[in-house]
Protein backbone atom coordinates (compact mmCIF):
# COMPACT_ATOMS: atom_id res chain seq x y z
CA MET A 1 0.00 0.00 0.00
CA GLN A 2 2.85 2.39 0.87
CA SER A 3 4.43 1.87 -2.54
CA VAL A 4 1.10 2.66 -4.22
CA VAL A 5 0.73 5.86 -2.20
CA ARG A 6 4.27 6.93 -3.05
CA ALA A 7 3.64 6.23 -6.73
CA ILE A 8 0.62 8.55 -6.65
CA TYR A 9 2.14 11.12 -4.30
CA PRO A 10 5.93 10.94 -4.70
CA PRO A 11 8.07 12.72 -2.07
CA GLN A 12 8.68 16.40 -2.77
CA CYS A 13 11.04 19.01 -1.41
CA VAL A 14 9.22 20.95 1.31
CA ALA A 15 10.63 24.22 -0.05
CA CYS A 16 10.32 23.97 -3.84
CA GLU A 17 8.28 20.78 -4.50
CA THR A 18 11.02 19.19 -6.59
CA LEU A 19 10.82 15.39 -6.40
CA THR A 20 13.07 13.90 -3.72
CA GLU A 21 14.07 10.42 -2.61
CA ALA A 22 12.85 10.85 0.98
CA GLU A 23 9.72 12.43 2.41
CA HIS A 24 9.61 15.54 4.58
CA GLY A 25 12.94 16.94 3.48
CA LEU A 26 14.76 19.38 1.22
CA CYS A 27 16.18 18.72 -2.21
CA GLY A 28 19.94 19.09 -2.64
CA PRO A 29 19.90 22.66 -4.02
CA CYS A 30 17.47 23.90 -1.35
CA TRP A 31 19.48 22.23 1.39
CA ALA A 32 22.61 23.98 0.14
CA GLN A 33 20.79 27.34 0.10
CA THR A 34 19.26 27.00 3.58
CA ALA A 35 21.20 28.78 6.32
CA PHE A 36 21.33 26.02 8.93
CA ILE A 37 22.98 27.09 12.17
CA SER A 38 25.88 24.96 13.41
CA GLY A 39 29.30 25.42 14.94
CA LEU A 40 29.94 28.23 17.40
CA VAL A 41 26.67 29.79 18.57
CA CYS A 42 25.46 32.17 21.23
CA ASP A 43 24.59 29.96 24.19
CA THR A 44 21.65 32.19 25.07
CA CYS A 45 19.81 32.60 21.76
CA GLY A 46 21.53 30.21 19.34
CA ALA A 47 22.71 32.86 16.84
CA LEU A 48 25.74 31.85 14.80
CA GLN A 49 29.02 33.40 16.01
CA MET A 50 32.40 33.99 14.43
CA GLY A 51 35.13 31.61 15.51
CA THR A 52 35.60 27.97 16.42
CA ASP A 53 33.62 26.08 19.01
CA GLU A 54 36.12 25.20 21.74
CA GLY A 55 33.53 24.22 24.31
CA GLU A 56 33.41 27.58 26.09
CA ARG A 57 30.21 29.52 26.63
CA VAL A 58 29.84 32.55 24.37
CA GLN A 59 27.14 35.16 23.93
CA CYS A 60 26.23 37.44 21.05
CA ASP A 61 26.37 41.22 21.50
CA GLU A 62 22.58 41.40 21.85
CA CYS A 63 22.38 38.81 24.62
CA MET A 64 25.21 40.50 26.49
CA THR A 65 23.20 43.73 26.64
CA ILE A 66 19.68 42.34 27.21
CA ALA A 67 18.78 40.38 30.33
CA ARG A 68 17.26 37.09 29.18
CA PRO A 69 15.00 35.31 31.68
CA TRP A 70 16.04 31.90 30.34
CA ASP A 71 19.22 29.88 30.75
CA GLN A 72 20.15 28.63 27.28
CA GLY A 73 18.81 28.83 23.75
CA ARG A 74 19.22 27.32 20.31
CA ALA A 75 17.86 27.91 16.79
CA ALA A 76 17.90 25.66 13.73
CA LEU A 77 18.00 28.22 10.89
CA GLU A 78 18.80 31.81 10.18
CA TYR A 79 15.67 33.75 9.25
CA LYS A 80 16.56 34.53 5.66
CA GLY A 81 16.13 33.03 2.22
CA ILE A 82 14.60 29.56 2.33
CA GLY A 83 14.53 29.63 6.13
CA ARG A 84 12.31 32.72 6.06
CA ARG A 85 10.10 31.15 3.39
CA LEU A 86 9.59 28.04 5.51
CA VAL A 87 8.72 30.04 8.63
CA LEU A 88 6.20 32.19 6.76
CA GLY A 89 4.69 29.12 5.11
CA LEU A 90 4.20 27.51 8.50
CA LYS A 91 2.93 30.68 10.14
CA HIS A 92 0.63 32.06 7.47
CA GLY A 93 0.38 29.47 4.70
CA ASP A 94 -1.23 26.47 6.45
CA ARG A 95 1.99 24.50 5.85
CA LEU A 96 1.61 22.11 8.75
CA ASP A 97 3.45 19.54 6.66
CA LEU A 98 6.58 21.50 7.60
CA THR A 99 6.37 20.81 11.31
CA TRP A 100 7.89 17.32 11.21
CA PRO A 101 11.10 18.18 9.31
CA ALA A 102 11.36 21.54 11.08
CA ALA A 103 11.05 19.89 14.49
CA GLY A 104 13.72 17.41 13.43
CA TRP A 105 16.16 20.21 12.67
CA MET A 106 15.26 21.87 15.98
CA ALA A 107 15.79 18.58 17.84
CA VAL A 108 19.37 18.38 16.58
CA ARG A 109 20.10 21.83 17.99
CA ALA A 110 18.13 21.37 21.23
CA ALA A 111 19.38 17.90 22.15
CA ALA A 112 22.18 19.30 24.32
CA LEU A 113 19.64 21.29 26.37
CA VAL A 114 17.46 18.29 27.22
CA LYS A 115 17.61 16.82 30.72
CA GLU A 116 15.91 13.83 32.32
CA ASN A 117 13.12 16.05 33.65
CA THR A 118 12.66 18.26 30.58
CA VAL A 119 9.15 19.12 29.47
CA ILE A 120 8.33 20.99 26.26
CA VAL A 121 6.01 23.99 26.18
CA PRO A 122 5.04 26.16 23.19
CA VAL A 123 4.65 29.93 23.24
CA PRO A 124 0.87 30.35 23.51
CA LEU A 125 -1.35 32.08 20.99
CA HIS A 126 -4.22 34.31 22.08
CA TRP A 127 -7.54 32.51 21.64
CA SER A 128 -8.82 35.06 19.11
CA ARG A 129 -5.80 34.52 16.87
CA LEU A 130 -6.12 30.78 17.31
CA VAL A 131 -9.71 30.95 16.06
CA LYS A 132 -8.66 33.00 13.04
CA ARG A 133 -5.52 31.00 12.18
CA ARG A 134 -6.99 27.64 13.26
CA TYR A 135 -3.70 26.41 14.71
CA ASN A 136 -0.77 27.57 16.81
CA GLN A 137 2.39 26.95 14.80
CA ALA A 138 4.52 26.93 17.97
CA ALA A 139 2.30 24.23 19.47
CA ALA A 140 2.49 22.16 16.27
CA LEU A 141 6.28 22.40 16.34
CA ALA A 142 6.34 21.51 20.05
CA VAL A 143 4.25 18.37 19.54
CA ASP A 144 6.57 17.05 16.83
CA LEU A 145 9.65 18.14 18.77
CA GLY A 146 8.41 16.08 21.69
CA LYS A 147 8.21 13.05 19.40
CA HIS A 148 11.74 13.62 18.10
CA LEU A 149 13.20 14.15 21.58
CA LYS A 150 10.88 11.68 23.35
CA ARG A 151 9.87 14.25 25.95
CA PRO A 152 6.39 15.19 27.23
CA VAL A 153 4.66 18.23 25.74
CA PHE A 154 2.22 20.49 27.57
CA VAL A 155 0.61 22.66 24.92
CA ASP A 156 -1.63 24.61 27.29
CA ALA A 157 0.63 25.12 30.32
CA LEU A 158 0.91 28.83 29.48
CA VAL A 159 -1.78 31.25 28.30
CA ARG A 160 -1.66 34.61 26.53
CA LEU A 161 -3.93 37.01 28.37
CA GLU A 162 -4.26 39.74 25.76
CA ARG A 163 -4.12 39.96 22.01
CA THR A 164 -1.28 42.30 21.15
CA LYS A 165 -1.01 44.07 17.84
CA PRO A 166 1.37 42.62 15.20
CA LEU A 167 4.99 43.29 16.12
CA ASP A 168 6.29 43.86 12.59
CA GLY A 169 8.07 47.21 12.48
CA VAL A 170 7.86 47.69 16.26
CA GLY A 171 11.11 48.60 18.01
CA ARG A 172 12.82 46.39 20.57
CA ALA A 173 11.85 48.39 23.67
CA ALA A 174 8.24 48.67 22.54
CA ARG A 175 8.07 44.91 21.92
CA PHE A 176 9.17 44.17 25.48
CA ASP A 177 6.73 46.74 26.90
CA MET A 178 3.83 45.34 24.86
CA LEU A 179 4.45 41.74 25.94
CA SER A 180 5.50 42.22 29.55
CA GLY A 181 3.14 40.19 31.74
CA LYS A 182 0.93 39.20 28.81
CA ILE A 183 1.78 35.50 29.12
CA GLN A 184 0.94 33.72 32.37
CA PRO A 185 0.88 30.18 33.77
CA HIS A 186 -2.42 28.41 33.13
CA PRO A 187 -4.23 28.38 36.50
CA LYS A 188 -5.15 24.69 36.19
CA ARG A 189 -2.47 23.18 33.94
CA SER A 190 0.82 24.85 34.79
CA ALA A 191 1.54 22.56 37.77
CA ALA A 192 3.20 20.19 35.28
CA LEU A 193 6.08 22.71 35.03
CA ARG A 194 6.91 22.82 38.73
CA ASP A 195 10.50 21.72 39.45
CA LYS A 196 10.96 20.75 35.79
CA SER A 197 13.43 21.81 33.12
CA VAL A 198 11.20 23.66 30.67
CA LEU A 199 12.05 23.94 26.98
CA ILE A 200 10.00 26.71 25.37
CA VAL A 201 9.30 26.45 21.63
CA ASP A 202 8.54 29.15 19.08
CA ASP A 203 8.84 29.49 15.32
CA VAL A 204 11.15 32.50 15.18
CA MET A 205 13.07 34.77 17.55
CA THR A 206 13.47 38.44 16.68
CA SER A 207 13.99 40.59 19.77
CA GLY A 208 13.18 37.79 22.19
CA ALA A 209 10.31 39.71 23.82
CA THR A 210 7.73 36.95 23.31
CA LEU A 211 10.10 34.26 24.53
CA ALA A 212 11.01 36.40 27.53
CA ALA A 213 7.35 36.71 28.50
CA ALA A 214 6.90 32.95 28.15
CA ALA A 215 10.08 32.20 30.12
CA GLU A 216 9.00 34.49 32.94
CA ALA A 217 5.63 32.72 33.05
CA ALA A 218 7.35 29.32 33.21
CA ARG A 219 9.44 30.54 36.16
CA MET A 220 6.27 31.80 37.85
CA ALA A 221 4.92 28.26 37.47
CA GLY A 222 7.94 26.95 39.40
CA ALA A 223 10.22 25.75 36.60
CA ALA A 224 13.66 24.72 37.86
CA ASN A 225 15.30 26.12 34.74
CA VAL A 226 14.15 27.38 31.36
CA SER A 227 15.65 27.04 27.89
CA ILE A 228 14.32 28.07 24.49
CA VAL A 229 14.50 26.68 20.97
CA THR A 230 13.21 28.24 17.76
CA LEU A 231 13.02 27.13 14.19
CA ALA A 232 14.69 30.37 13.07
CA ARG A 233 16.64 33.28 14.49
CA VAL A 234 16.56 36.77 12.97
CA VAL A 235 20.13 37.98 12.59
CA LYS A 236 21.57 41.35 11.72
CA ASP A 237 23.23 41.68 8.34
CA THR A 238 26.98 41.87 8.62
C-alpha cells in the first residue's frame, strides 16, 4: 500500500516541490541554500558566532546587553532566504506539513539542552488569533519536537492574556513593553512545570520579547530552569 501511495504522491522538497528520494525533506539545491545554524553559537539565543567552538560559553552582543529570563537557547536556521520562506509558510500558509522536518532540525540543535526532567512547552497564541488562524504553529512544532526528543509536551501550560497588535516594524523596547506580563501560567495546567526543566518552543526569535514573557511565566509556574529553541533566528546583516 505504501508503494502505491508513493507512486501517486511521490516525495517532494518541502521548499520547492522538486521530487526527492525521501519524504519531509529538502532537495539538494534547497538544502545547500538553507542557512542552517551549526558550529559556534550564542549559548543564550543560538545565533551563529564567528570563531571555532572550543567548548566555552559565548554570547552574542545582543544577549550580552539584554537580560534574558532563560538559561540557554538554540535555533535551527537563520531567518533569511529559504529559512524565512519556511517560517512564513508555516505561520501564514497552512503549511503544517513542515512541522515534522522543522522539528527534526530543531531537535538536533536542542538535544544538548534536554535533561531527564525536561518538558516541552510552546509559546501560547491568544484565543482570538487561534480561532482565526486555526492552529498555533509553535504548538504544532512543540508536539513534533516532543516526538523527536521523546519528551512530554504540555501545549496549554501557558496562556496569553491579551491579544497584542502585530509586532512587525515595532522597536525592541516597545516589543518588550507590549508583551510584559501578557503571558501567564495556566491556572489549572501549569503545575506540570513545577521543578521541571522547561524547553519553550517558538517558530522565530526576533527581539526575544515573546520568549522572555513565556520564560517568565514558566518561572512563575515553578520551573527549575528554562531554555528556548526556535526554528529560526533573525540575525543582523553583517
